[in-house]
Amino acid sequence: MEQQEWWKETVVYQIYPRSFQDSNGDGIGDLRGIISRLDYLQHLGIGAIWLSPVCKSPQDDYGYDISDYQDIDPMFGSLEDMEALIHEAGKRDIRIIMDLVLNHTSDEHPWFQEAKKGKDNPYHDYYVWRDGIEGTPPNDLTSTFGGSAWEWVPEIGQYYLHLFSVKQPDLNWANPKVRQDIYSMINWWIEKGVGGFRLDVIDLIGKEADFKITGNGPLLHEYIRELSKETFQKGKELLTVGETWGATPEIAKLYSNPDGSEFSMVFQFEHIGLDEQEGRGKWDLKPLDLMELKDVLSKWQTELKGEAWNSLFWNNHDLPRIVSRWGNDGEFRVESAKMLATLLHGMRGTPYIYQGEELGMTNVQYEIKEYRDIELLRFYKERMEKGYPEHEVMESIYAKGRDNARTPMQWDDSHQAGFTTGEAWIKVNPNYTEIHDAENVQNPDSIFHYYRQLIQLRKDHEVIVYGDYELIFPEHPDVFAYTRTLHENQIMVVCNFRGETVQLPLQEHLSSSAKLLLANYTDMLPDNELRAYEARMYLMQNN
């Protein structure tokens, strides 16, 4: 069996702070609000919290544009509040994983303010600049948020690179002074007691702008190995996870090599693109093909075995709600939410739960004026200017808009879903009166308690953490099923992805020792029938 690590055995819970819990009535979630909900998270059973960015920021991209890495944005509280959160979480055996944005800063960061003063300023080379003529960018690199990735600065007659918003200038990792300042900052946070880091778009730091190489640049892994050696490897048993949109299994083996030279694990996104038209991007929709999903997830399960570690996720702050996306958020909301959770949590890797996922929170359908996301609003503007029918544009937004994940946490059926005593920064999902934590916690058959059971099973059964994966019924068009095997123990996970009953010769794979560990229906049909979105997890001893 491979090396045991705490971060392989735990479950991580992602918090998007501005939407989790407001403590002061200003409509924006904050650190004191998170502290007030730690008992809830301890009850759920998670072992780490990944906190979306809380550092000081103008909030052009909701915190992913940092102006001071070593301070907390006042909207979330103070540095003392952050220290209190680390301490209070630690008392509950929960570690805080910070979100580090190292590819770029805010244009309001002191480094960039100095960099704009002139080419001879010592901070000028902290960013990526190119000479040029106003109106003629150095090349045709485009920003993720639309338009050119180059912005003209007339006072110095140069362009700077921004792969995201114009207010997010890219750092120049080729400059060793940039790297050393970053390492000092990370070590400062490690001394504060954080349990690890999620590295935002880390696969872009090796970019070669002149050659239009953004992801997986030639020096990427050299930079990451130096970063790890100077920070993460100095003890502390940190969880480190890289956001790597361009990763393949082979590249992932570099990122999360068991020798600890880079990260603990990676976020890979191959499965996330399966419901978009090939080569078109996330807004151009197509139905999910279950066979493709089986192929992709199984590939990542088998090819990383013993050589790298997976992150398991359906949701995050950038993605729509999974129960609306690949489940059924109407008649079978509870069943399909539990099914999708069963499929993921039985796999090899560290599961991540995004806030509200454990309640079965759903996507929203708002008027365009009620959305807040910079990416979504730019998409709407661009498509409308190109003459797309508005209903088609809105269908894409309903399906894929990032604000689906950013509506406030639904705590109860009181004013603003118990999120704030004021008015929330973004509209609360109107279904909060039916879907909320208070109802979930009181109902023993709720999605929340199902997640608690999945988390506990992971703690109780080593096979779920370290067992070998094998896909079964690979050609079945409606069922995703697999086994995990460790020594004499085996679990079998069986999930029906359809909203109707399907037939399955399950007996072929069930031994006489088979014991049902978990199911999302309370009564059982014969082994060869699975109802709409039915999920089962069995335990077997193979002597």
Protein backbone atom coordinates (compact mmCIF):
# COMPACT_ATOMS: atom_id res chain seq x y z
CA MET A 1 0.00 0.00 0.00
CA GLU A 2 1.25 3.48 -0.77
CA GLN A 3 2.37 6.00 1.82
CA GLN A 4 -0.37 7.09 4.21
CA GLU A 5 -1.02 10.83 4.58
CA TRP A 6 -3.67 12.73 6.55
CA TRP A 7 -4.70 14.64 3.44
CA LYS A 8 -5.50 11.40 1.60
CA GLU A 9 -7.81 10.29 4.39
CA THR A 10 -9.71 13.50 5.06
CA VAL A 11 -12.57 15.32 3.28
CA VAL A 12 -12.15 19.01 2.41
CA TYR A 13 -14.97 21.56 2.53
CA GLN A 14 -14.71 24.64 0.31
CA ILE A 15 -16.06 27.92 1.64
CA TYR A 16 -16.73 30.93 -0.60
CA PRO A 17 -16.53 33.44 2.25
CA ARG A 18 -18.69 36.25 0.88
CA SER A 19 -21.62 33.81 0.54
CA PHE A 20 -21.25 31.56 3.60
CA GLN A 21 -22.29 33.49 6.73
CA ASP A 22 -22.51 37.21 7.45
CA SER A 23 -21.90 38.19 11.09
CA ASN A 24 -22.41 41.97 10.96
CA GLY A 25 -25.46 42.54 8.74
CA ASP A 26 -23.66 44.15 5.79
CA GLY A 27 -24.82 41.41 3.40
CA ILE A 28 -21.35 39.98 2.85
CA GLY A 29 -20.11 36.79 4.50
CA ASP A 30 -17.05 37.13 6.73
CA LEU A 31 -14.53 35.29 8.89
CA ARG A 32 -16.51 35.74 12.11
CA GLY A 33 -19.47 34.21 10.31
CA ILE A 34 -17.36 31.17 9.40
CA ILE A 35 -16.19 30.83 13.02
CA SER A 36 -19.84 30.78 14.12
CA ARG A 37 -20.49 27.79 11.84
CA LEU A 38 -17.46 25.64 12.74
CA ASP A 39 -19.57 23.36 14.94
CA TYR A 40 -21.77 22.65 11.91
CA LEU A 41 -18.70 21.64 9.88
CA GLN A 42 -17.33 19.54 12.73
CA HIS A 43 -20.70 17.75 12.89
CA LEU A 44 -20.48 17.10 9.14
CA GLY A 45 -17.12 15.43 9.74
CA ILE A 46 -14.76 17.30 7.43
CA GLY A 47 -11.06 17.68 8.29
CA ALA A 48 -10.05 20.78 6.33
CA ILE A 49 -11.59 23.99 4.99
CA TRP A 50 -10.43 25.44 1.69
CA LEU A 51 -11.10 29.14 1.98
CA SER A 52 -11.53 31.08 -1.26
CA PRO A 53 -9.37 34.25 -1.15
CA VAL A 54 -9.77 36.53 1.87
CA CYS A 55 -6.63 38.65 1.39
CA LYS A 56 -6.91 42.37 0.78
CA SER A 57 -8.36 43.02 -2.68
CA PRO A 58 -10.30 45.60 -4.72
CA GLN A 59 -12.63 42.66 -5.51
CA ASP A 60 -12.57 43.15 -9.27
CA ASP A 61 -12.61 39.34 -9.57
CA TYR A 62 -14.03 38.67 -6.10
CA GLY A 63 -10.71 38.33 -4.31
CA TYR A 64 -8.66 36.64 -7.03
CA ASP A 65 -7.01 40.05 -7.52
CA ILE A 66 -4.87 40.46 -4.40
CA SER A 67 -3.46 43.84 -3.38
CA ASP A 68 -1.84 42.65 -0.11
CA TYR A 69 -0.97 38.98 0.44
CA GLN A 70 -0.31 39.55 4.15
CA ASP A 71 -3.51 41.26 5.20
CA ILE A 72 -7.21 40.42 5.25
CA ASP A 73 -9.75 42.39 3.25
CA PRO A 74 -11.83 44.53 5.65
CA MET A 75 -15.07 43.14 4.17
CA PHE A 76 -14.09 39.75 5.65
CA GLY A 77 -12.64 41.07 8.91
CA SER A 78 -9.10 41.46 10.21
CA LEU A 79 -5.86 39.54 10.50
CA GLU A 80 -6.85 38.85 14.11
CA ASP A 81 -10.10 37.28 12.85
CA MET A 82 -8.08 35.04 10.52
CA GLU A 83 -5.82 33.97 13.39
CA ALA A 84 -8.94 33.26 15.47
CA LEU A 85 -10.39 31.14 12.66
CA ILE A 86 -7.18 29.09 12.37
CA HIS A 87 -7.16 28.60 16.15
CA GLU A 88 -10.88 27.76 16.54
CA ALA A 89 -10.83 25.39 13.58
CA GLY A 90 -7.75 23.70 15.00
CA LYS A 91 -9.56 23.05 18.28
CA ARG A 92 -12.05 21.03 16.21
CA ASP A 93 -9.32 19.16 14.29
CA ILE A 94 -10.07 21.18 11.16
CA ARG A 95 -7.21 22.73 9.16
CA ILE A 96 -7.50 25.93 7.12
CA ILE A 97 -6.35 25.72 3.48
CA MET A 98 -5.71 29.17 1.99
CA ASP A 99 -6.28 30.09 -1.63
CA LEU A 100 -3.04 31.47 -3.08
CA VAL A 101 -3.15 33.52 -6.27
CA LEU A 102 0.44 33.53 -7.53
CA ASN A 103 0.00 33.99 -11.28
CA HIS A 104 -1.06 37.62 -10.95
CA THR A 105 -1.79 40.39 -8.46
CA SER A 106 -4.21 43.28 -8.40
CA ASP A 107 -3.15 46.38 -10.30
CA GLU A 108 -3.55 48.10 -6.91
CA HIS A 109 -0.80 45.95 -5.34
CA PRO A 110 2.14 48.16 -4.23
CA TRP A 111 4.45 46.16 -6.53
CA PHE A 112 2.42 47.14 -9.59
CA GLN A 113 1.99 50.74 -8.45
CA GLU A 114 5.79 50.95 -8.33
CA ALA A 115 6.20 49.01 -11.59
CA LYS A 116 4.20 51.65 -13.48
CA LYS A 117 6.54 54.45 -12.40
CA GLY A 118 9.17 53.62 -14.97
CA LYS A 119 11.29 50.98 -16.66
CA ASP A 120 14.14 51.62 -14.23
CA ASN A 121 11.99 51.06 -11.13
CA PRO A 122 13.15 47.94 -9.22
CA TYR A 123 9.60 46.58 -9.28
CA HIS A 124 9.06 47.08 -13.02
CA ASP A 125 10.41 43.61 -13.78
CA TYR A 126 8.00 42.02 -11.28
CA TYR A 127 5.47 41.97 -14.15
CA VAL A 128 5.47 41.04 -17.84
CA TRP A 129 6.00 44.13 -20.02
CA ARG A 130 6.59 44.53 -23.74
CA ASP A 131 7.37 47.54 -25.91
CA GLY A 132 4.89 48.41 -28.61
CA ILE A 133 2.71 50.99 -30.27
CA GLU A 134 -0.60 52.05 -28.74
CA GLY A 135 -3.39 50.15 -30.46
CA THR A 136 -1.06 47.41 -31.71
CA PRO A 137 -0.54 44.82 -28.94
CA PRO A 138 2.66 42.69 -29.00
CA ASN A 139 0.67 39.65 -30.15
CA ASP A 140 -2.85 38.24 -30.26
CA LEU A 141 -2.92 36.58 -26.83
CA THR A 142 -6.42 36.93 -25.39
CA SER A 143 -7.70 37.32 -21.84
CA THR A 144 -9.84 34.60 -20.30
CA PHE A 145 -12.43 37.33 -19.68
CA GLY A 146 -12.43 38.49 -23.31
CA GLY A 147 -10.39 40.91 -25.43
CA SER A 148 -6.63 41.32 -25.69
CA ALA A 149 -4.40 40.08 -22.86
CA TRP A 150 -2.26 43.22 -23.27
CA GLU A 151 -2.97 46.65 -21.77
CA TRP A 152 -1.24 49.85 -22.87
CA VAL A 153 0.28 52.14 -20.20
CA PRO A 154 0.89 55.49 -21.93
CA GLU A 155 3.11 57.01 -19.21
CA ILE A 156 5.84 54.41 -19.87
CA GLY A 157 4.95 53.44 -23.45
CA GLN A 158 4.64 49.72 -22.79
CA TYR A 159 2.04 46.99 -22.61
CA TYR A 160 1.61 44.69 -19.60
CA LEU A 161 0.22 41.16 -19.76
CA HIS A 162 -3.04 40.18 -18.04
CA LEU A 163 -4.36 36.70 -18.80
CA PHE A 164 -7.45 37.58 -16.77
CA SER A 165 -8.98 41.00 -15.98
CA VAL A 166 -7.15 44.17 -16.96
CA LYS A 167 -6.90 44.75 -13.20
CA GLN A 168 -4.98 41.46 -12.77
CA PRO A 169 -1.46 41.99 -14.19
CA ASP A 170 0.58 38.79 -14.52
CA LEU A 171 3.64 38.33 -12.35
CA ASN A 172 7.00 37.67 -13.97
CA TRP A 173 8.15 34.38 -12.44
CA ALA A 174 11.38 34.58 -14.43
CA ASN A 175 12.48 37.26 -11.96
CA PRO A 176 14.08 35.53 -8.91
CA LYS A 177 13.18 38.52 -6.69
CA VAL A 178 9.48 37.89 -7.38
CA ARG A 179 9.88 34.27 -6.41
CA GLN A 180 11.74 35.07 -3.18
CA ASP A 181 9.13 37.62 -2.11
CA ILE A 182 6.40 35.05 -2.75
CA TYR A 183 8.23 32.38 -0.72
CA SER A 184 8.67 34.77 2.21
CA MET A 185 4.95 35.52 2.17
CA ILE A 186 3.98 31.83 2.07
CA ASN A 187 6.32 30.99 4.96
CA TRP A 188 4.77 33.84 6.95
CA TRP A 189 1.35 32.19 6.55
CA ILE A 190 2.76 28.75 7.41
CA GLU A 191 4.04 30.24 10.67
CA LYS A 192 0.50 31.55 11.30
CA GLY A 193 -0.61 27.91 11.38
CA VAL A 194 -2.43 27.37 8.09
CA GLY A 195 -2.82 23.73 7.05
CA GLY A 196 -2.01 24.17 3.39
CA PHE A 197 -2.71 26.01 0.17
CA ARG A 198 -4.76 25.74 -2.98
CA LEU A 199 -2.74 27.24 -5.84
CA ASP A 200 -4.93 29.21 -8.25
CA VAL A 201 -4.20 28.68 -12.00
CA ILE A 202 -0.70 27.59 -11.01
CA ASP A 203 -0.08 25.98 -14.40
CA LEU A 204 0.18 29.48 -15.93
CA ILE A 205 3.22 30.74 -13.97
CA GLY A 206 5.66 29.28 -16.53
CA LYS A 207 4.15 31.28 -19.40
CA GLU A 208 6.25 32.40 -22.37
CA ALA A 209 4.32 35.42 -23.61
CA ASP A 210 6.39 35.98 -26.76
CA PHE A 211 5.70 32.44 -27.92
CA LYS A 212 2.04 32.60 -26.84
CA ILE A 213 2.58 29.73 -24.38
CA THR A 214 0.38 30.19 -21.33
CA GLY A 215 -0.21 26.80 -19.64
CA ASN A 216 2.50 24.18 -19.04
CA GLY A 217 5.40 26.42 -20.01
CA PRO A 218 8.91 24.97 -20.25
CA LEU A 219 10.04 26.21 -16.80
CA LEU A 220 6.76 25.49 -14.97
CA HIS A 221 7.89 22.46 -12.99
CA GLU A 222 11.28 24.00 -12.24
CA TYR A 223 9.46 26.94 -10.63
CA ILE A 224 7.07 24.69 -8.71
CA ARG A 225 9.85 22.46 -7.37
CA GLU A 226 11.72 25.54 -6.14
CA LEU A 227 8.50 26.91 -4.60
CA SER A 228 7.87 23.63 -2.81
CA LYS A 229 11.45 23.30 -1.56
CA GLU A 230 11.49 26.85 -0.18
CA THR A 231 8.07 26.60 1.51
CA PHE A 232 5.92 23.47 1.62
CA GLN A 233 8.68 20.96 2.35
CA LYS A 234 9.76 22.60 5.60
CA GLY A 235 7.75 20.19 7.74
CA LYS A 236 4.17 20.97 8.86
CA GLU A 237 2.50 18.21 6.75
CA LEU A 238 0.70 20.69 4.53
CA LEU A 239 -2.03 19.89 2.03
CA THR A 240 -1.15 21.56 -1.26
CA VAL A 241 -3.33 21.34 -4.36
CA GLY A 242 -2.73 22.93 -7.74
CA GLU A 243 -5.51 24.17 -10.01
CA THR A 244 -4.30 22.73 -13.33
CA TRP A 245 -6.80 23.06 -16.16
CA GLY A 246 -4.32 21.75 -18.71
CA ALA A 247 -3.19 18.66 -16.79
CA THR A 248 -3.04 15.20 -18.32
CA PRO A 249 -2.40 12.12 -16.15
CA GLU A 250 1.28 12.23 -17.19
CA ILE A 251 1.62 15.89 -16.19
CA ALA A 252 -0.30 15.19 -12.95
CA LYS A 253 2.38 12.66 -12.00
CA LEU A 254 4.84 15.56 -11.97
CA TYR A 255 2.57 17.87 -9.97
CA SER A 256 1.79 15.31 -7.27
CA ASN A 257 4.79 13.02 -7.29
CA PRO A 258 4.81 10.96 -4.05
CA ASP A 259 8.33 12.26 -3.35
CA GLY A 260 6.71 15.55 -2.31
CA SER A 261 8.74 17.64 -4.74
CA GLU A 262 5.72 19.63 -5.96
CA PHE A 263 2.16 19.36 -4.54
CA SER A 264 0.08 16.86 -2.57
CA MET A 265 -2.53 16.60 -5.35
CA VAL A 266 -4.03 18.33 -8.37
CA PHE A 267 -7.38 19.60 -9.49
CA GLN A 268 -7.81 18.31 -13.03
CA PHE A 269 -10.85 19.35 -15.05
CA GLU A 270 -11.17 16.90 -17.91
CA HIS A 271 -14.57 15.64 -16.69
CA ILE A 272 -15.80 19.22 -16.28
CA GLY A 273 -15.70 19.86 -20.05
CA LEU A 274 -17.81 16.85 -21.04
CA ASP A 275 -21.07 18.82 -21.40
CA GLU A 276 -19.70 21.49 -23.69
CA GLN A 277 -19.30 21.40 -27.45
CA GLU A 278 -15.79 20.42 -28.41
CA GLY A 279 -13.55 23.38 -29.08
CA ARG A 280 -16.29 25.88 -28.24
CA GLY A 281 -15.91 26.52 -24.51
CA LYS A 282 -18.19 26.14 -21.54
CA TRP A 283 -21.12 28.26 -22.74
CA ASP A 284 -21.92 26.10 -25.79
CA LEU A 285 -23.83 23.21 -24.28
CA LYS A 286 -24.27 19.55 -25.09
CA PRO A 287 -25.79 16.71 -23.04
CA LEU A 288 -23.50 14.66 -20.81
CA ASP A 289 -22.52 11.30 -22.33
CA LEU A 290 -22.27 8.85 -19.42
CA MET A 291 -19.87 6.62 -21.35
CA GLU A 292 -17.47 9.56 -21.75
CA LEU A 293 -17.76 10.32 -18.03
CA LYS A 294 -16.92 6.70 -17.18
CA ASP A 295 -13.93 6.76 -19.52
CA VAL A 296 -12.51 10.01 -18.17
CA LEU A 297 -12.97 9.37 -14.46
CA SER A 298 -11.74 5.77 -14.79
CA LYS A 299 -8.66 6.95 -16.68
CA TRP A 300 -7.72 9.31 -13.85
CA GLN A 301 -8.43 6.60 -11.26
CA THR A 302 -6.21 3.98 -12.86
CA GLU A 303 -3.38 5.99 -14.43
CA LEU A 304 -2.46 7.88 -11.23
CA LYS A 305 -2.32 4.70 -9.13
CA GLY A 306 0.75 4.81 -6.91
CA GLU A 307 2.24 7.73 -8.86
CA ALA A 308 0.05 10.73 -8.01
CA TRP A 309 -3.03 11.70 -6.03
CA ASN A 310 -6.44 12.85 -7.25
CA SER A 311 -8.76 15.56 -6.00
CA LEU A 312 -12.39 14.47 -6.30
CA PHE A 313 -14.96 17.19 -6.94
CA TRP A 314 -18.18 18.00 -8.73
CA ASN A 315 -18.57 21.61 -7.57
CA ASN A 316 -16.57 24.70 -6.73
CA HIS A 317 -16.98 28.49 -6.81
CA ASP A 318 -16.52 28.50 -10.61
CA LEU A 319 -18.91 25.66 -11.47
CA PRO A 320 -22.70 25.17 -11.53
CA ARG A 321 -24.42 23.06 -8.90
CA ILE A 322 -23.96 19.39 -9.72
CA VAL A 323 -27.52 18.33 -8.81
CA SER A 324 -28.81 20.77 -11.44
CA ARG A 325 -26.07 19.95 -13.91
CA TRP A 326 -25.92 16.13 -14.01
CA GLY A 327 -28.64 15.16 -11.56
CA ASN A 328 -32.29 16.09 -11.35
CA ASP A 329 -33.03 19.16 -9.25
CA GLY A 330 -36.80 18.60 -9.38
CA GLU A 331 -38.59 15.35 -8.58
CA PHE A 332 -35.41 13.41 -7.79
CA ARG A 333 -33.28 16.17 -6.24
CA VAL A 334 -32.57 14.25 -3.02
CA GLU A 335 -31.95 10.90 -4.73
CA SER A 336 -29.72 12.27 -7.48
CA ALA A 337 -27.71 14.46 -5.08
CA LYS A 338 -27.01 11.39 -2.94
CA MET A 339 -26.17 9.29 -6.00
CA LEU A 340 -23.62 11.79 -7.29
CA ALA A 341 -22.07 12.03 -3.84
CA THR A 342 -21.81 8.23 -3.57
CA LEU A 343 -20.08 7.95 -6.94
CA LEU A 344 -17.47 10.56 -6.04
CA HIS A 345 -16.78 9.69 -2.40
CA GLY A 346 -16.19 6.02 -3.18
CA MET A 347 -13.34 6.87 -5.56
CA ARG A 348 -9.60 7.07 -4.99
CA GLY A 349 -8.56 10.61 -4.09
CA THR A 350 -9.44 13.36 -1.63
CA PRO A 351 -13.11 14.42 -1.85
CA TYR A 352 -14.02 18.12 -1.84
CA ILE A 353 -17.46 19.34 -0.81
CA TYR A 354 -18.48 22.83 -1.95
CA GLN A 355 -20.64 24.79 0.48
CA GLY A 356 -24.32 23.89 0.11
CA GLU A 357 -23.57 20.75 -1.90
CA GLU A 358 -24.33 18.76 1.26
CA LEU A 359 -27.79 20.37 1.32
CA GLY A 360 -28.55 19.75 -2.35
CA MET A 361 -28.52 23.45 -3.24
CA THR A 362 -29.46 24.12 -6.88
CA ASN A 363 -28.75 26.45 -9.78
CA VAL A 364 -30.70 29.68 -10.15
CA GLN A 365 -32.50 31.44 -12.98
CA TYR A 366 -32.30 35.20 -12.48
CA GLU A 367 -32.85 38.26 -14.64
CA ILE A 368 -29.55 39.50 -16.04
CA LYS A 369 -29.55 42.55 -13.71
CA GLU A 370 -29.52 40.21 -10.69
CA TYR A 371 -26.23 38.53 -11.62
CA ARG A 372 -22.86 39.76 -10.32
CA ASP A 373 -20.15 37.63 -11.97
CA ILE A 374 -17.71 39.54 -14.21
CA GLU A 375 -17.27 36.59 -16.59
CA LEU A 376 -21.01 35.97 -16.93
CA LEU A 377 -21.85 39.63 -17.58
CA ARG A 378 -19.16 39.93 -20.24
CA PHE A 379 -20.41 36.77 -21.94
CA TYR A 380 -23.96 38.21 -22.00
CA LYS A 381 -22.75 41.51 -23.46
CA GLU A 382 -20.60 39.86 -26.15
CA ARG A 383 -23.27 37.41 -27.27
CA MET A 384 -26.00 40.05 -27.37
CA GLU A 385 -23.77 42.34 -29.44
CA LYS A 386 -23.24 39.46 -31.88
CA GLY A 387 -27.00 39.05 -32.28
CA TYR A 388 -27.58 35.78 -30.44
CA PRO A 389 -31.20 35.27 -29.30
CA GLU A 390 -31.46 36.35 -25.66
CA HIS A 391 -33.20 33.15 -24.60
CA GLU A 392 -30.24 31.10 -25.91
CA VAL A 393 -27.76 33.31 -24.08
CA MET A 394 -29.75 33.01 -20.86
CA GLU A 395 -30.00 29.22 -21.20
CA SER A 396 -26.20 29.07 -21.21
CA ILE A 397 -26.04 31.35 -18.18
CA TYR A 398 -28.63 29.27 -16.31
CA ALA A 399 -26.57 26.15 -17.01
CA LYS A 400 -23.00 27.34 -16.55
CA GLY A 401 -22.87 30.76 -14.87
CA ARG A 402 -20.52 30.99 -11.88
CA ASP A 403 -23.17 32.79 -9.80
CA ASN A 404 -25.01 29.46 -9.58
CA ALA A 405 -22.42 28.52 -6.96
CA ARG A 406 -22.20 31.92 -5.32
CA THR A 407 -25.73 32.46 -4.05
CA PRO A 408 -25.82 32.66 -0.24
CA MET A 409 -25.69 29.53 1.89
CA GLN A 410 -29.21 28.46 2.81
CA TRP A 411 -29.21 28.05 6.60
CA ASP A 412 -32.93 28.25 7.38
CA ASP A 413 -36.24 29.59 6.08
CA SER A 414 -35.97 32.98 7.80
CA HIS A 415 -35.11 36.35 6.19
CA GLN A 416 -32.32 35.97 3.60
CA ALA A 417 -32.07 32.24 4.39
CA GLY A 418 -30.37 33.04 7.71
CA PHE A 419 -27.28 34.24 5.82
CA THR A 420 -27.54 37.89 6.88
CA THR A 421 -29.74 40.23 8.89
CA GLY A 422 -29.30 42.78 6.10
CA GLU A 423 -29.63 42.38 2.32
CA ALA A 424 -27.35 39.81 0.69
CA TRP A 425 -24.74 41.03 -1.83
CA ILE A 426 -26.37 38.71 -4.39
CA LYS A 427 -29.94 37.50 -4.45
CA VAL A 428 -30.71 34.41 -2.35
CA ASN A 429 -32.01 31.40 -4.29
CA PRO A 430 -35.82 31.65 -3.90
CA ASN A 431 -36.05 27.94 -3.05
CA TYR A 432 -34.36 28.55 0.32
CA THR A 433 -37.72 28.16 2.05
CA GLU A 434 -37.71 24.45 1.08
CA ILE A 435 -33.96 23.72 0.84
CA HIS A 436 -31.96 24.73 3.90
CA ASP A 437 -29.70 23.44 6.62
CA ALA A 438 -32.24 23.49 9.46
CA GLU A 439 -34.50 21.07 7.58
CA ASN A 440 -31.56 18.88 6.55
CA VAL A 441 -30.07 18.53 10.03
CA GLN A 442 -33.43 17.60 11.59
CA ASN A 443 -34.25 15.00 8.93
CA PRO A 444 -32.21 11.77 9.40
CA ASP A 445 -32.82 10.84 5.74
CA SER A 446 -31.52 14.17 4.41
CA ILE A 447 -28.69 14.82 1.97
CA PHE A 448 -26.68 16.35 4.84
CA HIS A 449 -26.80 13.17 6.90
CA TYR A 450 -25.99 11.10 3.83
CA TYR A 451 -22.80 13.14 3.38
CA ARG A 452 -22.00 12.58 7.06
CA GLN A 453 -22.29 8.84 6.48
CA LEU A 454 -20.03 8.97 3.41
CA ILE A 455 -17.39 10.90 5.36
CA GLN A 456 -17.60 8.44 8.26
CA LEU A 457 -17.32 5.42 5.96
CA ARG A 458 -14.08 6.86 4.61
CA LYS A 459 -12.75 7.03 8.17
CA ASP A 460 -13.91 3.50 8.98
CA HIS A 461 -12.77 1.67 5.84
CA GLU A 462 -9.19 2.00 4.60
CA VAL A 463 -10.20 0.36 1.33
CA ILE A 464 -12.17 3.49 0.37
CA VAL A 465 -9.01 5.59 0.71
CA TYR A 466 -6.29 3.29 -0.62
CA GLY A 467 -8.02 0.49 -2.54
CA ASP A 468 -7.38 -0.24 -6.22
CA TYR A 469 -10.07 0.89 -8.66
CA GLU A 470 -11.74 -1.23 -11.33
CA LEU A 471 -14.66 -0.23 -13.53
CA ILE A 472 -17.44 -2.83 -13.82
CA PHE A 473 -20.34 -2.96 -16.32
CA PRO A 474 -18.24 -0.68 -18.60
CA GLU A 475 -20.69 -0.94 -21.50
CA HIS A 476 -23.88 -0.30 -19.51
CA PRO A 477 -25.38 2.92 -20.91
CA ASP A 478 -27.12 3.99 -17.69
CA VAL A 479 -25.02 2.71 -14.79
CA PHE A 480 -21.64 3.82 -13.43
CA ALA A 481 -20.29 1.03 -11.21
CA TYR A 482 -16.85 0.15 -9.89
CA THR A 483 -14.98 -1.77 -7.20
CA ARG A 484 -12.19 -0.73 -4.85
CA THR A 485 -9.98 -3.51 -3.49
CA LEU A 486 -7.40 -3.53 -0.70
CA HIS A 487 -6.05 -6.86 0.54
CA GLU A 488 -9.10 -9.02 1.36
CA ASN A 489 -11.53 -6.08 1.50
CA GLN A 490 -13.57 -4.82 -1.43
CA ILE A 491 -16.25 -2.19 -1.80
CA MET A 492 -18.57 -1.97 -4.77
CA VAL A 493 -20.28 1.25 -5.78
CA VAL A 494 -23.27 1.11 -8.14
CA CYS A 495 -24.98 4.27 -9.44
CA ASN A 496 -27.93 4.67 -11.80
CA PHE A 497 -27.58 7.92 -13.75
CA ARG A 498 -31.10 7.73 -15.20
CA GLY A 499 -34.46 8.99 -13.95
CA GLU A 500 -36.06 5.56 -14.43
CA THR A 501 -35.58 1.97 -13.27
CA VAL A 502 -32.84 -0.02 -15.02
CA GLN A 503 -31.91 -3.70 -15.02
CA LEU A 504 -28.47 -4.85 -13.94
CA PRO A 505 -27.05 -8.37 -13.28
CA LEU A 506 -25.56 -7.28 -9.98
CA GLN A 507 -25.38 -10.81 -8.56
CA GLU A 508 -22.41 -11.56 -10.85
CA HIS A 509 -20.27 -9.25 -8.72
CA LEU A 510 -21.76 -9.77 -5.25
CA SER A 511 -20.11 -12.39 -3.04
CA SER A 512 -21.90 -14.23 -0.26
CA SER A 513 -20.20 -11.89 2.23
CA ALA A 514 -21.69 -8.77 0.61
CA LYS A 515 -23.01 -6.28 3.14
CA LEU A 516 -24.86 -3.11 2.14
CA LEU A 517 -22.95 -0.15 3.62
CA LEU A 518 -25.05 2.66 2.24
CA ALA A 519 -27.97 3.28 -0.14
CA ASN A 520 -29.98 6.32 -1.10
CA TYR A 521 -33.31 4.48 -0.90
CA THR A 522 -34.47 3.14 2.46
CA ASP A 523 -36.24 0.07 1.04
CA MET A 524 -34.46 -2.37 -1.24
CA LEU A 525 -35.58 -3.86 -4.52
CA PRO A 526 -34.06 -7.11 -5.88
CA ASP A 527 -30.35 -6.87 -6.68
CA ASN A 528 -30.97 -6.74 -10.43
CA GLU A 529 -33.05 -3.53 -10.36
CA LEU A 530 -31.97 0.04 -9.71
CA ARG A 531 -34.58 2.77 -9.39
CA ALA A 532 -34.22 6.35 -10.64
CA TYR A 533 -30.83 7.70 -9.53
CA GLU A 534 -30.39 4.82 -7.11
CA ALA A 535 -26.96 4.37 -5.52
CA ARG A 536 -25.59 1.56 -3.40
CA MET A 537 -22.27 0.84 -1.71
CA TYR A 538 -21.46 -2.74 -0.68
CA LEU A 539 -18.63 -4.16 1.42
CA MET A 540 -17.25 -7.65 0.72
CA GLN A 541 -14.50 -9.79 2.23
CA ASN A 542 -12.64 -11.80 -0.38
CA ASN A 543 -10.74 -14.53 1.49
